[in-house]
Amino acid sequence: MTLKPLYSALALVGLVVPWWHNVAYFAGGGSILPDVFFRDAFANALTAAITLDVYLAALVFSIWVASDRALGRRRWWAVPATFLIGLAFALPAYLAWRADASRPAR
């Protein structure tokens, strides 16, 4: 039994749900300019905690991808995906890809 379908479904949810909110943020005047983005990301203790939690988890995931040499150089797509798309997408997408890539051919 493989977890690839579950990971793939979670990657899709991890793409759609956060980006639904990202689009709403940008439509409401939000920006990726550092002064605006970080002001909003650290607007209060709760958003600061969530922001730091996600960025620290993204850093740990990126270190894991960098050290996961079993699948060769093809693994590097996950690092930019983590920071450009989001950890909620990149982590389950990487696990789905890894589950498929590490399975022996029949």
C-alpha atoms as a PDB file:
ATOM      1  CA  MET A   1       0.000   0.000   0.000  1.00  0.00           C
ATOM      2  CA  THR A   2       1.280   3.439  -0.895  1.00  0.00           C
ATOM      3  CA  LEU A   3       0.461   6.766   0.687  1.00  0.00           C
ATOM      4  CA  LYS A   4       0.979   8.586  -2.621  1.00  0.00           C
ATOM      5  CA  PRO A   5      -2.769   9.259  -3.216  1.00  0.00           C
ATOM      6  CA  LEU A   6      -3.171  10.702   0.281  1.00  0.00           C
ATOM      7  CA  TYR A   7      -0.046  12.858  -0.045  1.00  0.00           C
ATOM      8  CA  SER A   8      -1.177  14.023  -3.488  1.00  0.00           C
ATOM      9  CA  ALA A   9      -4.611  15.008  -2.172  1.00  0.00           C
ATOM     10  CA  LEU A  10      -3.024  16.853   0.751  1.00  0.00           C
ATOM     11  CA  ALA A  11      -0.671  18.668  -1.654  1.00  0.00           C
ATOM     12  CA  LEU A  12      -3.688  19.839  -3.654  1.00  0.00           C
ATOM     13  CA  VAL A  13      -5.421  21.046  -0.479  1.00  0.00           C
ATOM     14  CA  GLY A  14      -2.125  22.646   0.606  1.00  0.00           C
ATOM     15  CA  LEU A  15      -2.037  24.524  -2.685  1.00  0.00           C
ATOM     16  CA  VAL A  16      -5.661  25.670  -2.867  1.00  0.00           C
ATOM     17  CA  VAL A  17      -6.472  26.616   0.728  1.00  0.00           C
ATOM     18  CA  PRO A  18      -3.483  28.864   1.530  1.00  0.00           C
ATOM     19  CA  TRP A  19      -3.507  30.465  -1.922  1.00  0.00           C
ATOM     20  CA  TRP A  20      -7.204  31.252  -1.589  1.00  0.00           C
ATOM     21  CA  HIS A  21      -6.208  33.412   1.373  1.00  0.00           C
ATOM     22  CA  ASN A  22      -3.093  34.741  -0.359  1.00  0.00           C
ATOM     23  CA  VAL A  23      -5.203  35.974  -3.274  1.00  0.00           C
ATOM     24  CA  ALA A  24      -7.599  37.639  -0.824  1.00  0.00           C
ATOM     25  CA  TYR A  25      -4.615  39.279   0.911  1.00  0.00           C
ATOM     26  CA  PHE A  26      -3.240  40.656  -2.359  1.00  0.00           C
ATOM     27  CA  ALA A  27      -6.699  41.708  -3.557  1.00  0.00           C
ATOM     28  CA  GLY A  28      -7.089  43.663  -0.309  1.00  0.00           C
ATOM     29  CA  GLY A  29      -3.923  45.653  -0.919  1.00  0.00           C
ATOM     30  CA  GLY A  30      -1.347  43.240   0.503  1.00  0.00           C
ATOM     31  CA  SER A  31       2.143  43.124  -0.918  1.00  0.00           C
ATOM     32  CA  ILE A  32       5.236  40.946  -1.088  1.00  0.00           C
ATOM     33  CA  LEU A  33       7.409  43.999  -0.477  1.00  0.00           C
ATOM     34  CA  PRO A  34       9.342  43.141   2.689  1.00  0.00           C
ATOM     35  CA  ASP A  35       8.238  46.158   4.735  1.00  0.00           C
ATOM     36  CA  VAL A  36       4.536  45.508   4.052  1.00  0.00           C
ATOM     37  CA  PHE A  37       4.658  41.713   4.147  1.00  0.00           C
ATOM     38  CA  PHE A  38       6.585  41.410   7.398  1.00  0.00           C
ATOM     39  CA  ARG A  39       4.550  44.182   9.019  1.00  0.00           C
ATOM     40  CA  ASP A  40       1.427  42.150   8.260  1.00  0.00           C
ATOM     41  CA  ALA A  41       3.008  38.787   9.097  1.00  0.00           C
ATOM     42  CA  PHE A  42       4.049  40.077  12.534  1.00  0.00           C
ATOM     43  CA  ALA A  43       0.954  42.218  13.165  1.00  0.00           C
ATOM     44  CA  ASN A  44       0.298  40.544  16.523  1.00  0.00           C
ATOM     45  CA  ALA A  45       1.604  37.712  18.698  1.00  0.00           C
ATOM     46  CA  LEU A  46      -0.590  35.098  16.998  1.00  0.00           C
ATOM     47  CA  THR A  47       0.436  35.937  13.432  1.00  0.00           C
ATOM     48  CA  ALA A  48       4.077  36.185  14.554  1.00  0.00           C
ATOM     49  CA  ALA A  49       3.884  32.720  16.107  1.00  0.00           C
ATOM     50  CA  ILE A  50       2.277  31.216  12.999  1.00  0.00           C
ATOM     51  CA  THR A  51       4.765  32.951  10.678  1.00  0.00           C
ATOM     52  CA  LEU A  52       7.776  31.806  12.683  1.00  0.00           C
ATOM     53  CA  ASP A  53       6.376  28.281  13.040  1.00  0.00           C
ATOM     54  CA  VAL A  54       5.904  27.910   9.283  1.00  0.00           C
ATOM     55  CA  TYR A  55       9.262  29.449   8.341  1.00  0.00           C
ATOM     56  CA  LEU A  56      11.143  27.291  10.853  1.00  0.00           C
ATOM     57  CA  ALA A  57       9.341  24.173   9.604  1.00  0.00           C
ATOM     58  CA  ALA A  58      10.148  25.215   6.016  1.00  0.00           C
ATOM     59  CA  LEU A  59      13.811  25.587   6.942  1.00  0.00           C
ATOM     60  CA  VAL A  60      13.893  22.138   8.571  1.00  0.00           C
ATOM     61  CA  PHE A  61      12.119  20.610   5.553  1.00  0.00           C
ATOM     62  CA  SER A  62      14.621  22.274   3.203  1.00  0.00           C
ATOM     63  CA  ILE A  63      17.531  20.857   5.220  1.00  0.00           C
ATOM     64  CA  TRP A  64      15.918  17.416   5.019  1.00  0.00           C
ATOM     65  CA  VAL A  65      15.505  17.727   1.241  1.00  0.00           C
ATOM     66  CA  ALA A  66      19.140  18.819   0.940  1.00  0.00           C
ATOM     67  CA  SER A  67      20.308  15.800   2.926  1.00  0.00           C
ATOM     68  CA  ASP A  68      17.937  13.308   1.230  1.00  0.00           C
ATOM     69  CA  ARG A  69      20.482  12.071  -1.285  1.00  0.00           C
ATOM     70  CA  ALA A  70      18.712   8.779  -2.006  1.00  0.00           C
ATOM     71  CA  LEU A  71      16.881  10.260  -4.988  1.00  0.00           C
ATOM     72  CA  GLY A  72      19.704  12.276  -6.503  1.00  0.00           C
ATOM     73  CA  ARG A  73      19.610  15.820  -7.812  1.00  0.00           C
ATOM     74  CA  ARG A  74      15.970  15.647  -8.873  1.00  0.00           C
ATOM     75  CA  ARG A  75      14.885  16.465  -5.317  1.00  0.00           C
ATOM     76  CA  TRP A  76      15.839  20.152  -5.445  1.00  0.00           C
ATOM     77  CA  TRP A  77      12.498  21.307  -6.909  1.00  0.00           C
ATOM     78  CA  ALA A  78      11.042  21.053  -3.388  1.00  0.00           C
ATOM     79  CA  VAL A  79      13.150  23.865  -1.894  1.00  0.00           C
ATOM     80  CA  PRO A  80      11.954  26.709  -4.167  1.00  0.00           C
ATOM     81  CA  ALA A  81       8.427  25.244  -4.095  1.00  0.00           C
ATOM     82  CA  THR A  82       8.509  25.495  -0.298  1.00  0.00           C
ATOM     83  CA  PHE A  83       9.290  29.211  -0.273  1.00  0.00           C
ATOM     84  CA  LEU A  84       7.495  30.284  -3.476  1.00  0.00           C
ATOM     85  CA  ILE A  85       4.319  28.202  -3.235  1.00  0.00           C
ATOM     86  CA  GLY A  86       4.188  27.090   0.377  1.00  0.00           C
ATOM     87  CA  LEU A  87       5.161  24.379   2.823  1.00  0.00           C
ATOM     88  CA  ALA A  88       1.592  23.035   2.966  1.00  0.00           C
ATOM     89  CA  PHE A  89       1.980  22.170  -0.731  1.00  0.00           C
ATOM     90  CA  ALA A  90       5.675  21.299  -0.991  1.00  0.00           C
ATOM     91  CA  LEU A  91       5.889  18.857   1.919  1.00  0.00           C
ATOM     92  CA  PRO A  92       3.078  16.488   0.873  1.00  0.00           C
ATOM     93  CA  ALA A  93       4.021  16.889  -2.818  1.00  0.00           C
ATOM     94  CA  TYR A  94       7.596  15.886  -1.987  1.00  0.00           C
ATOM     95  CA  LEU A  95       6.393  12.917   0.046  1.00  0.00           C
ATOM     96  CA  ALA A  96       4.126  11.806  -2.835  1.00  0.00           C
ATOM     97  CA  TRP A  97       6.984  12.208  -5.308  1.00  0.00           C
ATOM     98  CA  ARG A  98       9.385  10.407  -3.002  1.00  0.00           C
ATOM     99  CA  ALA A  99       6.932   7.548  -2.399  1.00  0.00           C
ATOM    100  CA  ASP A 100       6.635   7.085  -6.160  1.00  0.00           C
ATOM    101  CA  ALA A 101      10.332   7.558  -6.944  1.00  0.00           C
ATOM    102  CA  SER A 102      11.583   5.221  -4.237  1.00  0.00           C
ATOM    103  CA  ARG A 103       9.205   2.374  -5.091  1.00  0.00           C
ATOM    104  CA  PRO A 104      10.925  -0.416  -7.045  1.00  0.00           C
ATOM    105  CA  ALA A 105       9.925  -0.705 -10.694  1.00  0.00           C
ATOM    106  CA  ARG A 106       7.764  -3.693 -11.612  1.00  0.00           C
END
